[in-house]
Every structure is written in C-alpha cells, then in structure tokens.
C-alpha cells in the first residue's frame, strides 16, 4: 500500500512539474554578440541586416573575379559552410538554417586563403521568406568579417 501511495505521489509531482514548465521560445539578444576575436583573428563587424524570421537560407559566391577563395561561414560560432571553394554567381552555394536567437545573431566569414586577389571577398544573400538581402563580406589571414543578423 505504501509503495502504491509513493508511486502515485511521484507520478503526481512529475505531471505537475511537466505541466508547469513553459517554453518561452528562444533567448533574445538586445546587443551584438559578435566576439572580438575568433580562431585567433580579430573580427571586424561590417554592418547589420534585419530579418523577419529565424528560418533563413544563406547563399554564398565569390564576389568579383573568381580567384580561388576558400572560406568557412560561421553562424553564431558554428560552422555552417566548411572550407568551401567559392564559385561565381551562376554557381551559388545555398544552405538553410534556423537562427538560435531573437534579436542579435551573427554571420562570420573566415578566410582559409586569399585566392589570387587579396582580400578574400564573398557575396552573400539572406532569404528570410519575406525579403532577400545581399551583402559582401571581406576577410584576410589576419581579420574575419562579420555581420549582425537581427531577427525582429
């Protein structure tokens, strides 16, 4: 009998705790979260882009002349596109992701080389399902380029 009462009380508390928990959604960052450095390089914030949704598609291609640029694209410190040789605008590489936070997130360009023309430049577009924003990021072997992505 005591065992049944204990089991019933335990089940009651588990149900109570589970039903009282709330999912408040993602954390909101009200200021930029771009770190000062990343992988032993200074980060240069080159601007900000407002997006309507956390679900986005990022396309990347070589800006200007195709010169052998190899890049890794990070979103909030996580590699989204790793060691990609950039092609021209006719051969864009596109990947979808969900931004972790409401408010400020960031995208960062890390250059593995500078191609035959320095610095490493990448054209990008962010499609949030409402708008498409195009921009250019630059990086070299000493500095990463970053942009704040702000989910409104």
C-alpha atoms as a PDB file:
ATOM      1  CA  UNK A   1       0.000   0.000   0.000  1.00  0.00           C
ATOM      2  CA  UNK A   2       2.756   2.455   0.992  1.00  0.00           C
ATOM      3  CA  UNK A   3       4.574   1.637  -2.235  1.00  0.00           C
ATOM      4  CA  UNK A   4       1.452   2.467  -4.298  1.00  0.00           C
ATOM      5  CA  UNK A   5       0.992   5.770  -2.452  1.00  0.00           C
ATOM      6  CA  UNK A   6       4.642   6.715  -3.031  1.00  0.00           C
ATOM      7  CA  UNK A   7       4.355   5.817  -6.714  1.00  0.00           C
ATOM      8  CA  UNK A   8       1.145   7.827  -7.029  1.00  0.00           C
ATOM      9  CA  UNK A   9       2.694  10.843  -5.298  1.00  0.00           C
ATOM     10  CA  UNK A  10       5.779  10.608  -7.516  1.00  0.00           C
ATOM     11  CA  UNK A  11       3.649  10.421 -10.674  1.00  0.00           C
ATOM     12  CA  UNK A  12       1.559  13.370  -9.448  1.00  0.00           C
ATOM     13  CA  UNK A  13       4.652  15.529  -8.898  1.00  0.00           C
ATOM     14  CA  UNK A  14       6.132  14.576 -12.267  1.00  0.00           C
ATOM     15  CA  UNK A  15       2.891  15.539 -14.005  1.00  0.00           C
ATOM     16  CA  UNK A  16       2.711  18.770 -12.017  1.00  0.00           C
ATOM     17  CA  UNK A  17       6.311  19.737 -12.817  1.00  0.00           C
ATOM     18  CA  UNK A  18       5.942  18.857 -16.507  1.00  0.00           C
ATOM     19  CA  UNK A  19       2.675  20.752 -16.903  1.00  0.00           C
ATOM     20  CA  UNK A  20       4.037  23.847 -15.155  1.00  0.00           C
ATOM     21  CA  UNK A  21       7.114  24.185 -17.350  1.00  0.00           C
ATOM     22  CA  UNK A  22       6.782  26.765 -20.101  1.00  0.00           C
ATOM     23  CA  UNK A  23       8.628  27.179 -23.348  1.00  0.00           C
ATOM     24  CA  UNK A  24       9.323  30.872 -23.583  1.00  0.00           C
ATOM     25  CA  UNK A  25      10.905  30.437 -27.003  1.00  0.00           C
ATOM     26  CA  UNK A  26      14.416  31.477 -27.954  1.00  0.00           C
ATOM     27  CA  UNK A  27      16.575  33.802 -25.913  1.00  0.00           C
ATOM     28  CA  UNK A  28      16.594  37.423 -27.087  1.00  0.00           C
ATOM     29  CA  UNK A  29      19.879  39.302 -27.518  1.00  0.00           C
ATOM     30  CA  UNK A  30      19.429  43.063 -27.466  1.00  0.00           C
ATOM     31  CA  UNK A  31      23.050  43.852 -28.351  1.00  0.00           C
ATOM     32  CA  UNK A  32      25.586  42.416 -30.771  1.00  0.00           C
ATOM     33  CA  UNK A  33      27.082  39.073 -29.785  1.00  0.00           C
ATOM     34  CA  UNK A  34      29.979  39.111 -32.283  1.00  0.00           C
ATOM     35  CA  UNK A  35      33.078  38.192 -30.271  1.00  0.00           C
ATOM     36  CA  UNK A  36      36.134  40.472 -30.535  1.00  0.00           C
ATOM     37  CA  UNK A  37      38.216  37.585 -31.875  1.00  0.00           C
ATOM     38  CA  UNK A  38      37.545  34.202 -33.430  1.00  0.00           C
ATOM     39  CA  UNK A  39      40.125  31.490 -34.157  1.00  0.00           C
ATOM     40  CA  UNK A  40      42.962  33.866 -33.189  1.00  0.00           C
ATOM     41  CA  UNK A  41      41.834  36.608 -35.597  1.00  0.00           C
ATOM     42  CA  UNK A  42      40.244  39.980 -34.941  1.00  0.00           C
ATOM     43  CA  UNK A  43      36.608  40.253 -36.035  1.00  0.00           C
ATOM     44  CA  UNK A  44      35.505  43.308 -37.976  1.00  0.00           C
ATOM     45  CA  UNK A  45      31.747  43.944 -37.907  1.00  0.00           C
ATOM     46  CA  UNK A  46      30.872  45.245 -41.357  1.00  0.00           C
ATOM     47  CA  UNK A  47      27.198  46.047 -40.778  1.00  0.00           C
ATOM     48  CA  UNK A  48      23.846  44.648 -39.789  1.00  0.00           C
ATOM     49  CA  UNK A  49      20.918  43.057 -41.564  1.00  0.00           C
ATOM     50  CA  UNK A  50      17.366  42.833 -40.263  1.00  0.00           C
ATOM     51  CA  UNK A  51      15.499  39.608 -40.959  1.00  0.00           C
ATOM     52  CA  UNK A  52      11.837  38.827 -40.398  1.00  0.00           C
ATOM     53  CA  UNK A  53      12.248  35.157 -39.404  1.00  0.00           C
ATOM     54  CA  UNK A  54      14.714  32.909 -37.619  1.00  0.00           C
ATOM     55  CA  UNK A  55      14.478  30.417 -40.508  1.00  0.00           C
ATOM     56  CA  UNK A  56      16.761  31.664 -43.279  1.00  0.00           C
ATOM     57  CA  UNK A  57      18.546  30.470 -46.407  1.00  0.00           C
ATOM     58  CA  UNK A  58      22.104  31.717 -46.934  1.00  0.00           C
ATOM     59  CA  UNK A  59      23.640  31.745 -50.401  1.00  0.00           C
ATOM     60  CA  UNK A  60      27.342  32.455 -50.968  1.00  0.00           C
ATOM     61  CA  UNK A  61      29.508  33.012 -54.043  1.00  0.00           C
ATOM     62  CA  UNK A  62      32.762  34.733 -54.977  1.00  0.00           C
ATOM     63  CA  UNK A  63      32.443  38.494 -55.261  1.00  0.00           C
ATOM     64  CA  UNK A  64      34.034  39.931 -58.360  1.00  0.00           C
ATOM     65  CA  UNK A  65      36.509  37.729 -60.189  1.00  0.00           C
ATOM     66  CA  UNK A  66      36.645  34.029 -59.319  1.00  0.00           C
ATOM     67  CA  UNK A  67      40.136  33.679 -57.865  1.00  0.00           C
ATOM     68  CA  UNK A  68      40.188  30.539 -55.713  1.00  0.00           C
ATOM     69  CA  UNK A  69      38.842  31.902 -52.410  1.00  0.00           C
ATOM     70  CA  UNK A  70      38.248  29.164 -49.826  1.00  0.00           C
ATOM     71  CA  UNK A  71      36.044  30.097 -46.865  1.00  0.00           C
ATOM     72  CA  UNK A  72      34.188  28.797 -43.860  1.00  0.00           C
ATOM     73  CA  UNK A  73      30.949  30.554 -42.917  1.00  0.00           C
ATOM     74  CA  UNK A  74      30.027  30.559 -39.237  1.00  0.00           C
ATOM     75  CA  UNK A  75      26.652  31.443 -37.752  1.00  0.00           C
ATOM     76  CA  UNK A  76      26.839  32.257 -34.041  1.00  0.00           C
ATOM     77  CA  UNK A  77      30.189  30.446 -33.839  1.00  0.00           C
ATOM     78  CA  UNK A  78      29.034  27.214 -35.515  1.00  0.00           C
ATOM     79  CA  UNK A  79      30.376  26.259 -38.950  1.00  0.00           C
ATOM     80  CA  UNK A  80      27.518  26.292 -41.449  1.00  0.00           C
ATOM     81  CA  UNK A  81      29.600  26.062 -44.632  1.00  0.00           C
ATOM     82  CA  UNK A  82      33.043  24.497 -44.165  1.00  0.00           C
ATOM     83  CA  UNK A  83      36.123  25.127 -46.341  1.00  0.00           C
ATOM     84  CA  UNK A  84      34.108  25.922 -49.451  1.00  0.00           C
ATOM     85  CA  UNK A  85      35.784  26.976 -52.702  1.00  0.00           C
ATOM     86  CA  UNK A  86      33.715  29.927 -53.905  1.00  0.00           C
ATOM     87  CA  UNK A  87      32.397  29.877 -57.453  1.00  0.00           C
ATOM     88  CA  UNK A  88      30.705  32.652 -59.394  1.00  0.00           C
ATOM     89  CA  UNK A  89      27.146  33.987 -59.093  1.00  0.00           C
ATOM     90  CA  UNK A  90      25.931  31.342 -61.545  1.00  0.00           C
ATOM     91  CA  UNK A  91      27.014  28.626 -59.089  1.00  0.00           C
ATOM     92  CA  UNK A  92      25.811  29.889 -55.694  1.00  0.00           C
ATOM     93  CA  UNK A  93      26.066  27.549 -52.728  1.00  0.00           C
ATOM     94  CA  UNK A  94      22.901  27.695 -50.584  1.00  0.00           C
ATOM     95  CA  UNK A  95      22.170  26.247 -47.150  1.00  0.00           C
ATOM     96  CA  UNK A  96      19.216  26.716 -44.792  1.00  0.00           C
ATOM     97  CA  UNK A  97      19.452  27.225 -41.050  1.00  0.00           C
ATOM     98  CA  UNK A  98      17.442  28.421 -38.076  1.00  0.00           C
ATOM     99  CA  UNK A  99      18.981  31.289 -36.146  1.00  0.00           C
ATOM    100  CA  UNK A 100      19.378  30.489 -32.480  1.00  0.00           C
ATOM    101  CA  UNK A 101      18.205  33.791 -31.017  1.00  0.00           C
ATOM    102  CA  UNK A 102      15.627  36.502 -31.406  1.00  0.00           C
ATOM    103  CA  UNK A 103      17.346  39.875 -31.724  1.00  0.00           C
ATOM    104  CA  UNK A 104      21.065  39.678 -32.471  1.00  0.00           C
ATOM    105  CA  UNK A 105      22.793  36.737 -34.181  1.00  0.00           C
ATOM    106  CA  UNK A 106      25.818  36.946 -36.466  1.00  0.00           C
ATOM    107  CA  UNK A 107      27.375  35.500 -39.583  1.00  0.00           C
ATOM    108  CA  UNK A 108      31.169  35.407 -39.911  1.00  0.00           C
ATOM    109  CA  UNK A 109      33.497  34.845 -42.872  1.00  0.00           C
ATOM    110  CA  UNK A 110      36.765  33.018 -42.137  1.00  0.00           C
ATOM    111  CA  UNK A 111      39.302  33.010 -44.982  1.00  0.00           C
ATOM    112  CA  UNK A 112      41.423  29.882 -45.445  1.00  0.00           C
ATOM    113  CA  UNK A 113      43.344  31.676 -48.188  1.00  0.00           C
ATOM    114  CA  UNK A 114      43.161  34.941 -50.101  1.00  0.00           C
ATOM    115  CA  UNK A 115      42.824  33.448 -53.560  1.00  0.00           C
ATOM    116  CA  UNK A 116      44.900  35.134 -56.225  1.00  0.00           C
ATOM    117  CA  UNK A 117      43.440  38.571 -55.366  1.00  0.00           C
ATOM    118  CA  UNK A 118      43.529  39.810 -51.762  1.00  0.00           C
ATOM    119  CA  UNK A 119      41.382  40.125 -49.666  1.00  0.00           C
ATOM    120  CA  UNK A 120      39.012  37.187 -49.694  1.00  0.00           C
ATOM    121  CA  UNK A 121      35.567  38.512 -50.639  1.00  0.00           C
ATOM    122  CA  UNK A 122      32.267  36.675 -50.600  1.00  0.00           C
ATOM    123  CA  UNK A 123      28.907  37.880 -51.832  1.00  0.00           C
ATOM    124  CA  UNK A 124      26.037  36.566 -49.753  1.00  0.00           C
ATOM    125  CA  UNK A 125      22.294  36.695 -49.720  1.00  0.00           C
ATOM    126  CA  UNK A 126      19.967  36.034 -46.817  1.00  0.00           C
ATOM    127  CA  UNK A 127      16.444  34.926 -47.705  1.00  0.00           C
ATOM    128  CA  UNK A 128      14.130  35.089 -44.682  1.00  0.00           C
ATOM    129  CA  UNK A 129      10.992  34.128 -46.601  1.00  0.00           C
ATOM    130  CA  UNK A 130       9.905  37.769 -46.809  1.00  0.00           C
ATOM    131  CA  UNK A 131      12.946  39.630 -48.157  1.00  0.00           C
ATOM    132  CA  UNK A 132      16.290  38.793 -49.749  1.00  0.00           C
ATOM    133  CA  UNK A 133      19.228  40.878 -48.521  1.00  0.00           C
ATOM    134  CA  UNK A 134      22.526  40.826 -50.452  1.00  0.00           C
ATOM    135  CA  UNK A 135      25.827  41.970 -48.977  1.00  0.00           C
ATOM    136  CA  UNK A 136      29.585  41.462 -49.237  1.00  0.00           C
ATOM    137  CA  UNK A 137      31.887  40.152 -46.530  1.00  0.00           C
ATOM    138  CA  UNK A 138      35.678  40.510 -46.586  1.00  0.00           C
ATOM    139  CA  UNK A 139      38.316  38.586 -44.674  1.00  0.00           C
ATOM    140  CA  UNK A 140      42.056  38.046 -44.852  1.00  0.00           C
ATOM    141  CA  UNK A 141      44.525  35.909 -42.956  1.00  0.00           C
ATOM    142  CA  UNK A 142      44.529  38.355 -40.016  1.00  0.00           C
ATOM    143  CA  UNK A 143      40.895  39.523 -39.808  1.00  0.00           C
ATOM    144  CA  UNK A 144      37.455  37.917 -40.078  1.00  0.00           C
ATOM    145  CA  UNK A 145      34.475  39.791 -41.496  1.00  0.00           C
ATOM    146  CA  UNK A 146      31.149  39.636 -39.659  1.00  0.00           C
ATOM    147  CA  UNK A 147      27.608  40.978 -39.996  1.00  0.00           C
ATOM    148  CA  UNK A 148      24.953  41.173 -37.297  1.00  0.00           C
ATOM    149  CA  UNK A 149      21.726  39.400 -38.247  1.00  0.00           C
ATOM    150  CA  UNK A 150      18.866  40.894 -36.260  1.00  0.00           C
ATOM    151  CA  UNK A 151      15.616  38.928 -36.020  1.00  0.00           C
ATOM    152  CA  UNK A 152      12.796  41.433 -35.495  1.00  0.00           C
END
